[in-house]
Amino acid sequence: MAKIKEILKEEIKLWEEIRAGKAEDAGSEGPLCRIYFDEITDGGLPCTGCPIQKFTGNKNGCEGSPYEKWTDHHESTHWTGSYPYSVTCPKCIKLANKMVKFLKKLRSKA
């Protein structure tokens, strides 16, 4: 339990830095993904055991979390062909802020 809270603390710090324009979202290279991200192979599910997946109840990675809207926004508005994603407009800041709030709520329940 304490380990999950520490990992979530790192994830929150990353997203606060993304929101402030001091870091970028490099996809599966964040603290949670380094532990829980799995490529989908042999009919398996991505991110088995991830606290985000457990919290949302969805079986497909970050689906149902603010991260889904963050990636949708970047893919539809700022698409460069690949990661990293960064804050490039006011909506990015709003979406990054939602991710910070979501992670803090998740950490309080861990």
Protein backbone atom coordinates (compact mmCIF):
# COMPACT_ATOMS: atom_id res chain seq x y z
CA MET A 1 0.00 0.00 0.00
CA ALA A 2 2.76 2.46 0.92
CA LYS A 3 4.62 1.64 -2.29
CA ILE A 4 1.53 2.49 -4.39
CA LYS A 5 1.19 5.83 -2.57
CA GLU A 6 4.86 6.64 -3.33
CA ILE A 7 4.47 5.76 -7.00
CA LEU A 8 1.32 7.88 -7.19
CA LYS A 9 3.23 10.73 -5.50
CA GLU A 10 5.84 10.49 -8.28
CA GLU A 11 3.09 10.42 -10.93
CA ILE A 12 1.45 13.50 -9.39
CA LYS A 13 4.78 15.33 -9.39
CA LEU A 14 5.28 14.47 -13.07
CA TRP A 15 1.81 15.78 -13.97
CA GLU A 16 2.34 18.97 -11.97
CA GLU A 17 5.52 19.50 -14.00
CA ILE A 18 3.68 18.73 -17.26
CA ARG A 19 0.96 21.21 -16.29
CA ALA A 20 3.62 23.85 -15.58
CA GLY A 21 5.33 23.23 -18.92
CA LYS A 22 8.47 21.84 -17.24
CA ALA A 23 8.03 18.23 -18.42
CA GLU A 24 6.33 16.26 -21.17
CA ASP A 25 4.11 13.21 -21.26
CA ALA A 26 6.19 10.46 -22.82
CA GLY A 27 3.40 7.89 -22.80
CA SER A 28 4.33 4.63 -21.13
CA GLU A 29 7.50 6.07 -19.57
CA GLY A 30 5.77 7.60 -16.53
CA PRO A 31 6.09 6.15 -13.00
CA LEU A 32 2.90 4.06 -13.11
CA CYS A 33 3.42 2.83 -16.65
CA ARG A 34 7.00 1.77 -15.95
CA ILE A 35 5.52 -0.73 -13.51
CA TYR A 36 2.11 -1.65 -14.93
CA PHE A 37 2.16 -1.04 -18.69
CA ASP A 38 2.13 -4.25 -20.70
CA GLU A 39 1.92 -4.60 -24.42
CA ILE A 40 -1.26 -6.39 -25.44
CA THR A 41 -0.18 -9.90 -26.36
CA ASP A 42 -1.96 -13.20 -26.69
CA GLY A 43 -5.34 -11.66 -25.96
CA GLY A 44 -4.15 -10.15 -22.68
CA LEU A 45 -5.22 -6.81 -21.28
CA PRO A 46 -2.96 -3.77 -20.92
CA CYS A 47 -1.98 -2.44 -17.52
CA THR A 48 -3.24 -5.29 -15.36
CA GLY A 49 -3.11 -4.24 -11.72
CA CYS A 50 -2.60 -0.52 -12.35
CA PRO A 51 -4.33 1.64 -9.73
CA ILE A 52 -5.86 3.79 -12.49
CA GLN A 53 -7.38 0.74 -14.13
CA LYS A 54 -8.65 -0.55 -10.79
CA PHE A 55 -10.15 2.84 -9.89
CA THR A 56 -11.97 3.37 -13.18
CA GLY A 57 -13.08 -0.25 -13.47
CA ASN A 58 -12.16 -0.24 -17.16
CA LYS A 59 -10.08 -3.04 -18.58
CA ASN A 60 -8.29 -1.01 -21.23
CA GLY A 61 -5.43 0.97 -19.74
CA CYS A 62 -6.29 4.56 -18.78
CA GLU A 63 -9.72 4.44 -20.39
CA GLY A 64 -12.19 6.32 -18.23
CA SER A 65 -9.54 8.54 -16.64
CA PRO A 66 -8.66 12.15 -17.56
CA TYR A 67 -5.67 10.74 -19.44
CA GLU A 68 -8.03 9.49 -22.14
CA LYS A 69 -9.23 13.05 -22.85
CA TRP A 70 -5.63 14.34 -22.69
CA THR A 71 -4.50 11.93 -25.41
CA ASP A 72 -7.66 12.49 -27.48
CA HIS A 73 -7.01 16.23 -27.38
CA HIS A 74 -3.39 15.85 -28.45
CA GLU A 75 -4.21 13.41 -31.22
CA SER A 76 -6.97 15.64 -32.62
CA THR A 77 -5.37 19.06 -32.06
CA HIS A 78 -1.59 18.83 -31.71
CA TRP A 79 -0.72 15.57 -33.47
CA THR A 80 2.94 15.35 -34.43
CA GLY A 81 2.96 11.65 -35.16
CA SER A 82 4.23 10.45 -31.79
CA TYR A 83 4.93 11.24 -28.15
CA PRO A 84 5.91 13.27 -26.22
CA TYR A 85 2.84 15.38 -25.54
CA SER A 86 3.24 18.73 -23.84
CA VAL A 87 1.18 21.70 -22.77
CA THR A 88 0.72 23.85 -25.85
CA CYS A 89 -2.61 25.58 -25.28
CA PRO A 90 -5.05 26.57 -22.49
CA LYS A 91 -7.05 23.36 -22.95
CA CYS A 92 -3.86 21.34 -22.36
CA ILE A 93 -3.42 23.09 -19.01
CA LYS A 94 -7.03 22.35 -18.07
CA LEU A 95 -6.67 18.67 -19.01
CA ALA A 96 -3.34 18.33 -17.18
CA ASN A 97 -4.97 19.90 -14.13
CA LYS A 98 -7.76 17.32 -14.28
CA MET A 99 -5.13 14.59 -14.37
CA VAL A 100 -3.42 16.03 -11.26
CA LYS A 101 -6.73 16.18 -9.39
CA PHE A 102 -7.61 12.63 -10.46
CA LEU A 103 -4.24 11.27 -9.30
CA LYS A 104 -4.52 13.06 -5.95
CA LYS A 105 -7.96 11.54 -5.42
CA LEU A 106 -6.61 8.14 -6.40
CA ARG A 107 -3.68 8.51 -3.98
CA SER A 108 -6.00 9.43 -1.11
CA LYS A 109 -7.91 6.19 -1.67
CA ALA A 110 -4.79 3.97 -2.01
